[in-house]
Amino acid sequence: MQTGVVKFFNEDKGFGFITNDMTNEDIFVHITGLRSKNIEQGNKVSYSEEKGKKGLIATDVTIIED
């Protein structure tokens, strides 16, 4: 599992980006990849990465409670 911070998420459009903690790379996330509802900018999350049509995508995205 990877960890990161939600950089941006647009609920109306159903997608956003997560910044990976280790690499600082942005990973695309689609609403279908969420396990937690209502993620917001700044949320700390854990996720898996899968290869998508245009690059890596985040799946099994879950908010990490502090």
N, C-alpha and C. Protein backbone atom coordinates (compact mmCIF):
# COMPACT_ATOMS: atom_id res chain seq x y z
N MET A 1 0.83 -1.19 0.00
CA MET A 1 0.00 0.00 0.00
C MET A 1 0.87 1.25 0.00
N GLN A 2 0.43 2.22 -0.73
CA GLN A 2 1.09 3.52 -0.79
C GLN A 2 0.33 4.49 0.12
N THR A 3 0.97 5.58 0.48
CA THR A 3 0.29 6.64 1.22
C THR A 3 0.53 7.97 0.51
N GLY A 4 -0.39 8.89 0.74
CA GLY A 4 -0.26 10.20 0.13
C GLY A 4 -1.29 11.16 0.67
N VAL A 5 -1.34 12.34 0.05
CA VAL A 5 -2.27 13.39 0.45
C VAL A 5 -3.09 13.77 -0.78
N VAL A 6 -4.40 13.94 -0.58
CA VAL A 6 -5.27 14.34 -1.68
C VAL A 6 -4.91 15.77 -2.06
N LYS A 7 -4.45 15.93 -3.31
CA LYS A 7 -4.06 17.25 -3.82
C LYS A 7 -5.29 18.01 -4.31
N PHE A 8 -6.20 17.26 -4.92
CA PHE A 8 -7.38 17.85 -5.55
C PHE A 8 -8.39 16.74 -5.76
N PHE A 9 -9.67 17.00 -5.51
CA PHE A 9 -10.71 16.05 -5.88
C PHE A 9 -11.99 16.81 -6.17
N ASN A 10 -12.53 16.61 -7.38
CA ASN A 10 -13.76 17.26 -7.81
C ASN A 10 -14.88 16.22 -7.78
N GLU A 11 -15.77 16.33 -6.78
CA GLU A 11 -16.86 15.36 -6.65
C GLU A 11 -17.81 15.41 -7.83
N ASP A 12 -18.05 16.59 -8.39
CA ASP A 12 -18.97 16.73 -9.52
C ASP A 12 -18.46 15.98 -10.75
N LYS A 13 -17.16 16.05 -10.98
CA LYS A 13 -16.56 15.37 -12.14
C LYS A 13 -16.09 13.96 -11.81
N GLY A 14 -15.91 13.66 -10.51
CA GLY A 14 -15.58 12.30 -10.10
C GLY A 14 -14.12 11.90 -10.22
N PHE A 15 -13.21 12.88 -10.17
CA PHE A 15 -11.79 12.53 -10.25
C PHE A 15 -10.94 13.55 -9.53
N GLY A 16 -9.67 13.19 -9.33
CA GLY A 16 -8.72 14.09 -8.71
C GLY A 16 -7.33 13.50 -8.73
N PHE A 17 -6.47 13.99 -7.84
CA PHE A 17 -5.09 13.54 -7.78
C PHE A 17 -4.64 13.39 -6.34
N ILE A 18 -3.77 12.42 -6.12
CA ILE A 18 -3.14 12.18 -4.83
C ILE A 18 -1.65 12.36 -5.02
N THR A 19 -0.99 13.09 -4.11
CA THR A 19 0.46 13.23 -4.16
C THR A 19 1.07 12.15 -3.28
N ASN A 20 1.87 11.28 -3.90
CA ASN A 20 2.52 10.18 -3.20
C ASN A 20 3.53 10.72 -2.19
N ASP A 21 3.48 10.19 -0.95
CA ASP A 21 4.39 10.65 0.11
C ASP A 21 5.86 10.40 -0.20
N MET A 22 6.18 9.28 -0.81
CA MET A 22 7.58 8.92 -1.03
C MET A 22 8.17 9.56 -2.28
N THR A 23 7.40 9.62 -3.36
CA THR A 23 7.94 10.09 -4.64
C THR A 23 7.54 11.52 -4.99
N ASN A 24 6.54 12.06 -4.28
CA ASN A 24 5.97 13.38 -4.60
C ASN A 24 5.34 13.44 -5.98
N GLU A 25 5.09 12.29 -6.60
CA GLU A 25 4.42 12.25 -7.89
C GLU A 25 2.91 12.28 -7.67
N ASP A 26 2.20 12.89 -8.63
CA ASP A 26 0.75 12.93 -8.57
C ASP A 26 0.17 11.69 -9.25
N ILE A 27 -0.77 11.05 -8.57
CA ILE A 27 -1.42 9.84 -9.07
C ILE A 27 -2.89 10.16 -9.30
N PHE A 28 -3.41 9.83 -10.47
CA PHE A 28 -4.81 10.04 -10.81
C PHE A 28 -5.69 9.15 -9.95
N VAL A 29 -6.82 9.68 -9.49
CA VAL A 29 -7.81 8.87 -8.77
C VAL A 29 -9.19 9.17 -9.33
N HIS A 30 -9.93 8.09 -9.63
CA HIS A 30 -11.31 8.20 -10.12
C HIS A 30 -12.24 7.80 -8.98
N ILE A 31 -13.42 8.32 -8.97
CA ILE A 31 -14.38 8.06 -7.89
C ILE A 31 -14.64 6.56 -7.71
N THR A 32 -14.50 5.78 -8.77
CA THR A 32 -14.72 4.33 -8.66
C THR A 32 -13.61 3.65 -7.87
N GLY A 33 -12.48 4.33 -7.64
CA GLY A 33 -11.36 3.77 -6.89
C GLY A 33 -11.41 4.08 -5.40
N LEU A 34 -12.48 4.74 -4.96
CA LEU A 34 -12.57 5.15 -3.56
C LEU A 34 -13.24 4.08 -2.71
N ARG A 35 -12.68 3.83 -1.53
CA ARG A 35 -13.32 2.99 -0.52
C ARG A 35 -14.00 3.90 0.50
N SER A 36 -13.43 5.10 0.70
CA SER A 36 -14.00 6.10 1.61
C SER A 36 -14.80 7.09 0.78
N LYS A 37 -15.95 7.46 1.28
CA LYS A 37 -16.74 8.46 0.57
C LYS A 37 -16.28 9.84 1.01
N ASN A 38 -16.50 10.82 0.14
CA ASN A 38 -16.25 12.22 0.47
C ASN A 38 -14.80 12.53 0.84
N ILE A 39 -13.85 12.10 0.02
CA ILE A 39 -12.48 12.53 0.27
C ILE A 39 -12.36 14.00 -0.12
N GLU A 40 -11.48 14.69 0.56
CA GLU A 40 -11.31 16.13 0.33
C GLU A 40 -9.83 16.47 0.23
N GLN A 41 -9.56 17.62 -0.35
CA GLN A 41 -8.19 18.11 -0.44
C GLN A 41 -7.58 18.12 0.95
N GLY A 42 -6.35 17.61 1.05
CA GLY A 42 -5.64 17.59 2.32
C GLY A 42 -5.80 16.31 3.12
N ASN A 43 -6.76 15.42 2.74
CA ASN A 43 -6.91 14.15 3.45
C ASN A 43 -5.69 13.28 3.25
N LYS A 44 -5.22 12.64 4.32
CA LYS A 44 -4.15 11.64 4.25
C LYS A 44 -4.82 10.32 3.88
N VAL A 45 -4.31 9.64 2.86
CA VAL A 45 -4.94 8.41 2.38
C VAL A 45 -3.92 7.30 2.15
N SER A 46 -4.42 6.07 2.16
CA SER A 46 -3.63 4.92 1.70
C SER A 46 -4.31 4.43 0.43
N TYR A 47 -3.53 3.81 -0.45
CA TYR A 47 -4.09 3.36 -1.73
C TYR A 47 -3.15 2.36 -2.39
N SER A 48 -3.71 1.67 -3.36
CA SER A 48 -2.93 0.79 -4.23
C SER A 48 -2.79 1.47 -5.58
N GLU A 49 -1.77 1.10 -6.32
CA GLU A 49 -1.58 1.66 -7.66
C GLU A 49 -1.79 0.57 -8.70
N GLU A 50 -2.48 0.94 -9.77
CA GLU A 50 -2.68 0.03 -10.90
C GLU A 50 -2.33 0.80 -12.17
N LYS A 51 -1.94 0.05 -13.18
CA LYS A 51 -1.64 0.66 -14.47
C LYS A 51 -2.96 0.91 -15.20
N GLY A 52 -3.17 2.16 -15.61
CA GLY A 52 -4.35 2.53 -16.37
C GLY A 52 -3.99 2.80 -17.81
N LYS A 53 -4.95 3.26 -18.58
CA LYS A 53 -4.72 3.54 -20.00
C LYS A 53 -3.70 4.65 -20.22
N LYS A 54 -3.68 5.63 -19.30
CA LYS A 54 -2.79 6.78 -19.49
C LYS A 54 -1.74 6.90 -18.40
N GLY A 55 -1.53 5.85 -17.63
CA GLY A 55 -0.54 5.90 -16.55
C GLY A 55 -1.09 5.27 -15.29
N LEU A 56 -0.44 5.53 -14.17
CA LEU A 56 -0.85 4.93 -12.91
C LEU A 56 -2.13 5.58 -12.38
N ILE A 57 -2.98 4.74 -11.77
CA ILE A 57 -4.19 5.23 -11.13
C ILE A 57 -4.26 4.65 -9.71
N ALA A 58 -4.85 5.41 -8.82
CA ALA A 58 -5.02 4.98 -7.43
C ALA A 58 -6.32 4.19 -7.29
N THR A 59 -6.25 3.06 -6.59
CA THR A 59 -7.43 2.25 -6.30
C THR A 59 -7.45 1.92 -4.81
N ASP A 60 -8.58 1.44 -4.32
CA ASP A 60 -8.72 1.10 -2.89
C ASP A 60 -8.30 2.26 -2.00
N VAL A 61 -8.71 3.47 -2.36
CA VAL A 61 -8.33 4.68 -1.62
C VAL A 61 -9.12 4.75 -0.33
N THR A 62 -8.40 4.84 0.80
CA THR A 62 -9.01 4.89 2.12
C THR A 62 -8.38 6.03 2.92
N ILE A 63 -9.22 6.80 3.60
CA ILE A 63 -8.72 7.87 4.45
C ILE A 63 -8.03 7.27 5.67
N ILE A 64 -6.86 7.80 6.00
CA ILE A 64 -6.11 7.38 7.19
C ILE A 64 -6.50 8.32 8.32
N GLU A 65 -7.00 7.74 9.40
CA GLU A 65 -7.35 8.54 10.58
C GLU A 65 -6.10 8.76 11.42
N ASP A 66 -5.90 9.98 11.86
CA ASP A 66 -4.73 10.29 12.70
C ASP A 66 -4.93 9.82 14.11
